[in-house]
Amino acid sequence: HVLEIILKLYNLHFELLKKVNNKFFAELSK
């Protein structure tokens, strides 16, 4: 169902986010 899709996709996104150095996002704006 759709809720499972949304929850799993966001979980995938947040798992990646957990590994990213904060500097990456700040420096990307350049």
Full PDB file with SEQRES, HELIX, SHEET, SSBOND, CRYST1, ORIGX, SCALE, CONECT and MASTER records, all heavy atoms in Angstrom:
SEQRES   1 A   30  HIS VAL LEU GLU ILE ILE LEU LYS LEU TYR ASN LEU HIS          
SEQRES   2 A   30  PHE GLU LEU LEU LYS LYS VAL ASN ASN LYS PHE PHE ALA          
SEQRES   3 A   30  GLU LEU SER LYS                                              
HELIX    1 AA1 VAL A    2  LYS A   19  1                                  18    
HELIX    2 AA2 ASN A   22  LEU A   28  1                                   7    
CRYST1    1.000    1.000    1.000  90.00  90.00  90.00 P 1           1          
ORIGX1      1.000000  0.000000  0.000000        0.00000                         
ORIGX2      0.000000  1.000000  0.000000        0.00000                         
ORIGX3      0.000000  0.000000  1.000000        0.00000                         
SCALE1      1.000000  0.000000  0.000000        0.00000                         
SCALE2      0.000000  1.000000  0.000000        0.00000                         
SCALE3      0.000000  0.000000  1.000000        0.00000                         
ATOM      1  N   HIS A   1       0.840  -1.197   0.000  1.00  0.00           N  
ATOM      2  CA  HIS A   1       0.000   0.000   0.000  1.00  0.00           C  
ATOM      3  C   HIS A   1       0.875   1.247   0.000  1.00  0.00           C  
ATOM      4  O   HIS A   1       2.089   1.180   0.213  1.00  0.00           O  
ATOM      5  CB  HIS A   1      -0.961   0.009   1.198  1.00  0.00           C  
ATOM      6  CG  HIS A   1      -0.290  -0.269   2.511  1.00  0.00           C  
ATOM      7  ND1 HIS A   1       0.516   0.661   3.135  1.00  0.00           N  
ATOM      8  CD2 HIS A   1      -0.275  -1.364   3.305  1.00  0.00           C  
ATOM      9  CE1 HIS A   1       0.976   0.150   4.253  1.00  0.00           C  
ATOM     10  NE2 HIS A   1       0.518  -1.072   4.381  1.00  0.00           N  
ATOM     11  N   VAL A   2       0.228   2.381  -0.221  1.00  0.00           N  
ATOM     12  CA  VAL A   2       0.947   3.645  -0.385  1.00  0.00           C  
ATOM     13  C   VAL A   2       1.709   4.048   0.875  1.00  0.00           C  
ATOM     14  O   VAL A   2       2.835   4.555   0.798  1.00  0.00           O  
ATOM     15  CB  VAL A   2      -0.038   4.760  -0.790  1.00  0.00           C  
ATOM     16  CG1 VAL A   2       0.616   6.127  -0.688  1.00  0.00           C  
ATOM     17  CG2 VAL A   2      -0.522   4.550  -2.212  1.00  0.00           C  
ATOM     18  N   LEU A   3       1.116   3.858   2.032  1.00  0.00           N  
ATOM     19  CA  LEU A   3       1.794   4.238   3.274  1.00  0.00           C  
ATOM     20  C   LEU A   3       3.111   3.493   3.438  1.00  0.00           C  
ATOM     21  O   LEU A   3       4.111   4.066   3.886  1.00  0.00           O  
ATOM     22  CB  LEU A   3       0.885   3.972   4.478  1.00  0.00           C  
ATOM     23  CG  LEU A   3       0.137   5.181   5.026  1.00  0.00           C  
ATOM     24  CD1 LEU A   3      -0.852   4.745   6.092  1.00  0.00           C  
ATOM     25  CD2 LEU A   3       1.090   6.225   5.574  1.00  0.00           C  
ATOM     26  N   GLU A   4       3.112   2.228   3.074  1.00  0.00           N  
ATOM     27  CA  GLU A   4       4.348   1.440   3.163  1.00  0.00           C  
ATOM     28  C   GLU A   4       5.411   2.010   2.221  1.00  0.00           C  
ATOM     29  O   GLU A   4       6.582   2.106   2.574  1.00  0.00           O  
ATOM     30  CB  GLU A   4       4.067  -0.026   2.821  1.00  0.00           C  
ATOM     31  CG  GLU A   4       5.275  -0.931   3.053  1.00  0.00           C  
ATOM     32  CD  GLU A   4       4.963  -2.396   2.800  1.00  0.00           C  
ATOM     33  OE1 GLU A   4       3.808  -2.715   2.452  1.00  0.00           O  
ATOM     34  OE2 GLU A   4       5.888  -3.219   2.926  1.00  0.00           O  
ATOM     35  N   ILE A   5       4.979   2.395   1.025  1.00  0.00           N  
ATOM     36  CA  ILE A   5       5.912   2.997   0.060  1.00  0.00           C  
ATOM     37  C   ILE A   5       6.527   4.270   0.638  1.00  0.00           C  
ATOM     38  O   ILE A   5       7.748   4.449   0.642  1.00  0.00           O  
ATOM     39  CB  ILE A   5       5.195   3.332  -1.267  1.00  0.00           C  
ATOM     40  CG1 ILE A   5       4.798   2.047  -1.995  1.00  0.00           C  
ATOM     41  CG2 ILE A   5       6.105   4.179  -2.169  1.00  0.00           C  
ATOM     42  CD1 ILE A   5       3.926   2.283  -3.223  1.00  0.00           C  
ATOM     43  N   ILE A   6       5.672   5.164   1.146  1.00  0.00           N  
ATOM     44  CA  ILE A   6       6.146   6.452   1.667  1.00  0.00           C  
ATOM     45  C   ILE A   6       7.086   6.254   2.850  1.00  0.00           C  
ATOM     46  O   ILE A   6       8.167   6.847   2.922  1.00  0.00           O  
ATOM     47  CB  ILE A   6       4.955   7.338   2.062  1.00  0.00           C  
ATOM     48  CG1 ILE A   6       4.158   7.732   0.815  1.00  0.00           C  
ATOM     49  CG2 ILE A   6       5.428   8.601   2.806  1.00  0.00           C  
ATOM     50  CD1 ILE A   6       2.846   8.442   1.109  1.00  0.00           C  
ATOM     51  N   LEU A   7       6.705   5.387   3.789  1.00  0.00           N  
ATOM     52  CA  LEU A   7       7.530   5.155   4.975  1.00  0.00           C  
ATOM     53  C   LEU A   7       8.884   4.549   4.607  1.00  0.00           C  
ATOM     54  O   LEU A   7       9.929   4.964   5.125  1.00  0.00           O  
ATOM     55  CB  LEU A   7       6.790   4.236   5.954  1.00  0.00           C  
ATOM     56  CG  LEU A   7       5.595   4.879   6.678  1.00  0.00           C  
ATOM     57  CD1 LEU A   7       4.742   3.805   7.345  1.00  0.00           C  
ATOM     58  CD2 LEU A   7       6.065   5.898   7.699  1.00  0.00           C  
ATOM     59  N   LYS A   8       8.872   3.597   3.688  1.00  0.00           N  
ATOM     60  CA  LYS A   8      10.128   2.956   3.284  1.00  0.00           C  
ATOM     61  C   LYS A   8      11.030   3.894   2.489  1.00  0.00           C  
ATOM     62  O   LYS A   8      12.249   3.884   2.658  1.00  0.00           O  
ATOM     63  CB  LYS A   8       9.836   1.687   2.466  1.00  0.00           C  
ATOM     64  CG  LYS A   8       9.366   0.512   3.309  1.00  0.00           C  
ATOM     65  CD  LYS A   8       9.166  -0.722   2.450  1.00  0.00           C  
ATOM     66  CE  LYS A   8       8.779  -1.929   3.297  1.00  0.00           C  
ATOM     67  NZ  LYS A   8       8.553  -3.132   2.445  1.00  0.00           N  
ATOM     68  N   LEU A   9      10.421   4.703   1.614  1.00  0.00           N  
ATOM     69  CA  LEU A   9      11.221   5.644   0.814  1.00  0.00           C  
ATOM     70  C   LEU A   9      11.864   6.709   1.697  1.00  0.00           C  
ATOM     71  O   LEU A   9      13.039   7.061   1.507  1.00  0.00           O  
ATOM     72  CB  LEU A   9      10.352   6.300  -0.261  1.00  0.00           C  
ATOM     73  CG  LEU A   9      10.023   5.430  -1.479  1.00  0.00           C  
ATOM     74  CD1 LEU A   9       9.074   6.169  -2.409  1.00  0.00           C  
ATOM     75  CD2 LEU A   9      11.289   5.049  -2.244  1.00  0.00           C  
ATOM     76  N   TYR A  10      11.088   7.224   2.657  1.00  0.00           N  
ATOM     77  CA  TYR A  10      11.675   8.212   3.559  1.00  0.00           C  
ATOM     78  C   TYR A  10      12.748   7.583   4.439  1.00  0.00           C  
ATOM     79  O   TYR A  10      13.769   8.205   4.747  1.00  0.00           O  
ATOM     80  CB  TYR A  10      10.592   8.873   4.413  1.00  0.00           C  
ATOM     81  CG  TYR A  10      10.057  10.129   3.772  1.00  0.00           C  
ATOM     82  CD1 TYR A  10       8.838  10.141   3.104  1.00  0.00           C  
ATOM     83  CD2 TYR A  10      10.777  11.314   3.811  1.00  0.00           C  
ATOM     84  CE1 TYR A  10       8.354  11.288   2.492  1.00  0.00           C  
ATOM     85  CE2 TYR A  10      10.311  12.463   3.203  1.00  0.00           C  
ATOM     86  CZ  TYR A  10       9.099  12.447   2.546  1.00  0.00           C  
ATOM     87  OH  TYR A  10       8.628  13.583   1.938  1.00  0.00           O  
ATOM     88  N   ASN A  11      12.546   6.340   4.839  1.00  0.00           N  
ATOM     89  CA  ASN A  11      13.554   5.656   5.640  1.00  0.00           C  
ATOM     90  C   ASN A  11      14.850   5.500   4.842  1.00  0.00           C  
ATOM     91  O   ASN A  11      15.953   5.693   5.370  1.00  0.00           O  
ATOM     92  CB  ASN A  11      13.047   4.280   6.087  1.00  0.00           C  
ATOM     93  CG  ASN A  11      13.898   3.685   7.192  1.00  0.00           C  
ATOM     94  OD1 ASN A  11      14.156   4.336   8.194  1.00  0.00           O  
ATOM     95  ND2 ASN A  11      14.351   2.464   7.004  1.00  0.00           N  
ATOM     96  N   LEU A  12      14.713   5.166   3.562  1.00  0.00           N  
ATOM     97  CA  LEU A  12      15.871   5.058   2.671  1.00  0.00           C  
ATOM     98  C   LEU A  12      16.606   6.400   2.597  1.00  0.00           C  
ATOM     99  O   LEU A  12      17.840   6.458   2.674  1.00  0.00           O  
ATOM    100  CB  LEU A  12      15.404   4.628   1.282  1.00  0.00           C  
ATOM    101  CG  LEU A  12      16.461   4.444   0.197  1.00  0.00           C  
ATOM    102  CD1 LEU A  12      17.340   3.237   0.487  1.00  0.00           C  
ATOM    103  CD2 LEU A  12      15.793   4.268  -1.173  1.00  0.00           C  
ATOM    104  N   HIS A  13      15.836   7.463   2.455  1.00  0.00           N  
ATOM    105  CA  HIS A  13      16.407   8.812   2.369  1.00  0.00           C  
ATOM    106  C   HIS A  13      17.123   9.192   3.666  1.00  0.00           C  
ATOM    107  O   HIS A  13      18.248   9.716   3.636  1.00  0.00           O  
ATOM    108  CB  HIS A  13      15.287   9.808   2.075  1.00  0.00           C  
ATOM    109  CG  HIS A  13      15.727  11.233   2.051  1.00  0.00           C  
ATOM    110  ND1 HIS A  13      16.461  11.777   1.021  1.00  0.00           N  
ATOM    111  CD2 HIS A  13      15.553  12.236   2.958  1.00  0.00           C  
ATOM    112  CE1 HIS A  13      16.712  13.046   1.274  1.00  0.00           C  
ATOM    113  NE2 HIS A  13      16.167  13.351   2.444  1.00  0.00           N  
ATOM    114  N   PHE A  14      16.506   8.896   4.808  1.00  0.00           N  
ATOM    115  CA  PHE A  14      17.095   9.285   6.082  1.00  0.00           C  
ATOM    116  C   PHE A  14      18.320   8.439   6.426  1.00  0.00           C  
ATOM    117  O   PHE A  14      19.232   8.911   7.105  1.00  0.00           O  
ATOM    118  CB  PHE A  14      16.052   9.193   7.201  1.00  0.00           C  
ATOM    119  CG  PHE A  14      14.926  10.187   7.055  1.00  0.00           C  
ATOM    120  CD1 PHE A  14      13.608   9.808   7.241  1.00  0.00           C  
ATOM    121  CD2 PHE A  14      15.196  11.502   6.709  1.00  0.00           C  
ATOM    122  CE1 PHE A  14      12.574  10.721   7.094  1.00  0.00           C  
ATOM    123  CE2 PHE A  14      14.174  12.418   6.547  1.00  0.00           C  
ATOM    124  CZ  PHE A  14      12.856  12.035   6.752  1.00  0.00           C  
ATOM    125  N   GLU A  15      18.345   7.190   5.968  1.00  0.00           N  
ATOM    126  CA  GLU A  15      19.535   6.347   6.177  1.00  0.00           C  
ATOM    127  C   GLU A  15      20.726   6.928   5.429  1.00  0.00           C  
ATOM    128  O   GLU A  15      21.858   6.924   5.932  1.00  0.00           O  
ATOM    129  CB  GLU A  15      19.261   4.914   5.707  1.00  0.00           C  
ATOM    130  CG  GLU A  15      18.475   4.080   6.694  1.00  0.00           C  
ATOM    131  CD  GLU A  15      19.155   3.958   8.049  1.00  0.00           C  
ATOM    132  OE1 GLU A  15      20.342   3.572   8.083  1.00  0.00           O  
ATOM    133  OE2 GLU A  15      18.514   4.266   9.063  1.00  0.00           O  
ATOM    134  N   LEU A  16      20.488   7.441   4.216  1.00  0.00           N  
ATOM    135  CA  LEU A  16      21.558   8.096   3.466  1.00  0.00           C  
ATOM    136  C   LEU A  16      21.977   9.382   4.173  1.00  0.00           C  
ATOM    137  O   LEU A  16      23.167   9.672   4.313  1.00  0.00           O  
ATOM    138  CB  LEU A  16      21.091   8.421   2.043  1.00  0.00           C  
ATOM    139  CG  LEU A  16      22.051   9.264   1.190  1.00  0.00           C  
ATOM    140  CD1 LEU A  16      23.364   8.519   0.948  1.00  0.00           C  
ATOM    141  CD2 LEU A  16      21.414   9.644  -0.139  1.00  0.00           C  
ATOM    142  N   LEU A  17      20.995  10.137   4.633  1.00  0.00           N  
ATOM    143  CA  LEU A  17      21.254  11.407   5.305  1.00  0.00           C  
ATOM    144  C   LEU A  17      22.147  11.218   6.529  1.00  0.00           C  
ATOM    145  O   LEU A  17      23.000  12.057   6.830  1.00  0.00           O  
ATOM    146  CB  LEU A  17      19.916  12.031   5.724  1.00  0.00           C  
ATOM    147  CG  LEU A  17      19.841  13.540   5.900  1.00  0.00           C  
ATOM    148  CD1 LEU A  17      20.222  14.256   4.615  1.00  0.00           C  
ATOM    149  CD2 LEU A  17      18.436  13.942   6.327  1.00  0.00           C  
ATOM    150  N   LYS A  18      21.947  10.097   7.218  1.00  0.00           N  
ATOM    151  CA  LYS A  18      22.719   9.806   8.430  1.00  0.00           C  
ATOM    152  C   LYS A  18      24.214   9.679   8.140  1.00  0.00           C  
ATOM    153  O   LYS A  18      25.049   9.955   8.995  1.00  0.00           O  
ATOM    154  CB  LYS A  18      22.178   8.495   9.040  1.00  0.00           C  
ATOM    155  CG  LYS A  18      22.734   8.172  10.403  1.00  0.00           C  
ATOM    156  CD  LYS A  18      21.880   7.143  11.124  1.00  0.00           C  
ATOM    157  CE  LYS A  18      21.751   5.846  10.364  1.00  0.00           C  
ATOM    158  NZ  LYS A  18      21.037   4.805  11.121  1.00  0.00           N  
ATOM    159  N   LYS A  19      24.547   9.283   6.911  1.00  0.00           N  
ATOM    160  CA  LYS A  19      25.953   9.062   6.542  1.00  0.00           C  
ATOM    161  C   LYS A  19      26.639  10.314   5.999  1.00  0.00           C  
ATOM    162  O   LYS A  19      27.855  10.341   5.847  1.00  0.00           O  
ATOM    163  CB  LYS A  19      26.033   7.960   5.468  1.00  0.00           C  
ATOM    164  CG  LYS A  19      25.479   6.623   5.918  1.00  0.00           C  
ATOM    165  CD  LYS A  19      25.416   5.652   4.749  1.00  0.00           C  
ATOM    166  CE  LYS A  19      24.728   4.351   5.142  1.00  0.00           C  
ATOM    167  NZ  LYS A  19      24.563   3.451   3.982  1.00  0.00           N  
ATOM    168  N   VAL A  20      25.842  11.346   5.697  1.00  0.00           N  
ATOM    169  CA  VAL A  20      26.384  12.518   5.007  1.00  0.00           C  
ATOM    170  C   VAL A  20      26.974  13.526   5.985  1.00  0.00           C  
ATOM    171  O   VAL A  20      26.328  13.912   6.962  1.00  0.00           O  
ATOM    172  CB  VAL A  20      25.294  13.208   4.154  1.00  0.00           C  
ATOM    173  CG1 VAL A  20      25.873  14.430   3.439  1.00  0.00           C  
ATOM    174  CG2 VAL A  20      24.709  12.240   3.140  1.00  0.00           C  
ATOM    175  N   ASN A  21      28.197  13.950   5.700  1.00  0.00           N  
ATOM    176  CA  ASN A  21      28.839  15.020   6.462  1.00  0.00           C  
ATOM    177  C   ASN A  21      28.073  16.326   6.212  1.00  0.00           C  
ATOM    178  O   ASN A  21      27.769  16.669   5.073  1.00  0.00           O  
ATOM    179  CB  ASN A  21      30.299  15.161   6.000  1.00  0.00           C  
ATOM    180  CG  ASN A  21      31.106  16.091   6.875  1.00  0.00           C  
ATOM    181  OD1 ASN A  21      30.683  17.192   7.190  1.00  0.00           O  
ATOM    182  ND2 ASN A  21      32.291  15.652   7.262  1.00  0.00           N  
ATOM    183  N   ASN A  22      27.768  17.055   7.281  1.00  0.00           N  
ATOM    184  CA  ASN A  22      27.009  18.300   7.140  1.00  0.00           C  
ATOM    185  C   ASN A  22      27.650  19.278   6.162  1.00  0.00           C  
ATOM    186  O   ASN A  22      26.958  20.059   5.494  1.00  0.00           O  
ATOM    187  CB  ASN A  22      26.863  18.986   8.507  1.00  0.00           C  
ATOM    188  CG  ASN A  22      25.839  18.297   9.394  1.00  0.00           C  
ATOM    189  OD1 ASN A  22      25.156  17.373   8.959  1.00  0.00           O  
ATOM    190  ND2 ASN A  22      25.757  18.717  10.635  1.00  0.00           N  
ATOM    191  N   LYS A  23      28.977  19.249   6.050  1.00  0.00           N  
ATOM    192  CA  LYS A  23      29.681  20.168   5.161  1.00  0.00           C  
ATOM    193  C   LYS A  23      29.296  19.953   3.702  1.00  0.00           C  
ATOM    194  O   LYS A  23      29.355  20.877   2.892  1.00  0.00           O  
ATOM    195  CB  LYS A  23      31.203  20.015   5.323  1.00  0.00           C  
ATOM    196  CG  LYS A  23      31.736  20.496   6.655  1.00  0.00           C  
ATOM    197  CD  LYS A  23      33.258  20.558   6.663  1.00  0.00           C  
ATOM    198  CE  LYS A  23      33.887  19.192   6.596  1.00  0.00           C  
ATOM    199  NZ  LYS A  23      35.365  19.262   6.711  1.00  0.00           N  
ATOM    200  N   PHE A  24      28.901  18.728   3.367  1.00  0.00           N  
ATOM    201  CA  PHE A  24      28.543  18.409   1.980  1.00  0.00           C  
ATOM    202  C   PHE A  24      27.420  19.316   1.489  1.00  0.00           C  
ATOM    203  O   PHE A  24      27.492  19.877   0.400  1.00  0.00           O  
ATOM    204  CB  PHE A  24      28.134  16.937   1.868  1.00  0.00           C  
ATOM    205  CG  PHE A  24      27.676  16.530   0.503  1.00  0.00           C  
ATOM    206  CD1 PHE A  24      28.593  16.178  -0.469  1.00  0.00           C  
ATOM    207  CD2 PHE A  24      26.323  16.513   0.180  1.00  0.00           C  
ATOM    208  CE1 PHE A  24      28.176  15.803  -1.746  1.00  0.00           C  
ATOM    209  CE2 PHE A  24      25.898  16.145  -1.082  1.00  0.00           C  
ATOM    210  CZ  PHE A  24      26.834  15.785  -2.043  1.00  0.00           C  
ATOM    211  N   PHE A  25      26.376  19.473   2.304  1.00  0.00           N  
ATOM    212  CA  PHE A  25      25.224  20.283   1.899  1.00  0.00           C  
ATOM    213  C   PHE A  25      25.587  21.760   1.809  1.00  0.00           C  
ATOM    214  O   PHE A  25      25.161  22.458   0.887  1.00  0.00           O  
ATOM    215  CB  PHE A  25      24.075  20.095   2.887  1.00  0.00           C  
ATOM    216  CG  PHE A  25      23.535  18.696   2.924  1.00  0.00           C  
ATOM    217  CD1 PHE A  25      23.741  17.887   4.032  1.00  0.00           C  
ATOM    218  CD2 PHE A  25      22.833  18.176   1.854  1.00  0.00           C  
ATOM    219  CE1 PHE A  25      23.244  16.593   4.067  1.00  0.00           C  
ATOM    220  CE2 PHE A  25      22.330  16.884   1.883  1.00  0.00           C  
ATOM    221  CZ  PHE A  25      22.548  16.092   2.997  1.00  0.00           C  
ATOM    222  N   ALA A  26      26.361  22.229   2.779  1.00  0.00           N  
ATOM    223  CA  ALA A  26      26.757  23.637   2.770  1.00  0.00           C  
ATOM    224  C   ALA A  26      27.603  23.957   1.541  1.00  0.00           C  
ATOM    225  O   ALA A  26      27.429  24.999   0.905  1.00  0.00           O  
ATOM    226  CB  ALA A  26      27.528  23.964   4.042  1.00  0.00           C  
ATOM    227  N   GLU A  27      28.501  23.064   1.199  1.00  0.00           N  
ATOM    228  CA  GLU A  27      29.427  23.298   0.086  1.00  0.00           C  
ATOM    229  C   GLU A  27      28.766  23.091  -1.275  1.00  0.00           C  
ATOM    230  O   GLU A  27      29.207  23.656  -2.277  1.00  0.00           O  
ATOM    231  CB  GLU A  27      30.654  22.399   0.238  1.00  0.00           C  
ATOM    232  CG  GLU A  27      31.515  22.795   1.426  1.00  0.00           C  
ATOM    233  CD  GLU A  27      32.483  21.723   1.886  1.00  0.00           C  
ATOM    234  OE1 GLU A  27      32.521  20.637   1.274  1.00  0.00           O  
ATOM    235  OE2 GLU A  27      33.206  21.974   2.868  1.00  0.00           O  
ATOM    236  N   LEU A  28      27.694  22.327  -1.304  1.00  0.00           N  
ATOM    237  CA  LEU A  28      26.978  22.093  -2.556  1.00  0.00           C  
ATOM    238  C   LEU A  28      26.377  23.393  -3.105  1.00  0.00           C  
ATOM    239  O   LEU A  28      26.264  23.565  -4.324  1.00  0.00           O  
ATOM    240  CB  LEU A  28      25.862  21.067  -2.318  1.00  0.00           C  
ATOM    241  CG  LEU A  28      25.242  20.397  -3.538  1.00  0.00           C  
ATOM    242  CD1 LEU A  28      26.274  19.593  -4.321  1.00  0.00           C  
ATOM    243  CD2 LEU A  28      24.088  19.487  -3.119  1.00  0.00           C  
ATOM    244  N   SER A  29      26.036  24.307  -2.205  1.00  0.00           N  
ATOM    245  CA  SER A  29      25.424  25.577  -2.615  1.00  0.00           C  
ATOM    246  C   SER A  29      26.379  26.458  -3.419  1.00  0.00           C  
ATOM    247  O   SER A  29      25.952  27.440  -4.035  1.00  0.00           O  
ATOM    248  CB  SER A  29      24.939  26.349  -1.379  1.00  0.00           C  
ATOM    249  OG  SER A  29      26.035  26.699  -0.552  1.00  0.00           O  
ATOM    250  N   LYS A  30      27.645  26.120  -3.433  1.00  0.00           N  
ATOM    251  CA  LYS A  30      28.636  26.904  -4.191  1.00  0.00           C  
ATOM    252  C   LYS A  30      28.671  26.523  -5.672  1.00  0.00           C  
ATOM    253  O   LYS A  30      29.449  27.080  -6.438  1.00  0.00           O  
ATOM    254  CB  LYS A  30      30.015  26.715  -3.566  1.00  0.00           C  
ATOM    255  CG  LYS A  30      30.098  27.244  -2.135  1.00  0.00           C  
ATOM    256  CD  LYS A  30      31.434  26.918  -1.490  1.00  0.00           C  
ATOM    257  CE  LYS A  30      31.446  27.377  -0.031  1.00  0.00           C  
ATOM    258  NZ  LYS A  30      32.702  27.007   0.659  1.00  0.00           N  
TER     259      LYS A  30                                                      
MASTER        0    0    0    2    0    0    0    6  258    1    0    3          
END                                                                             
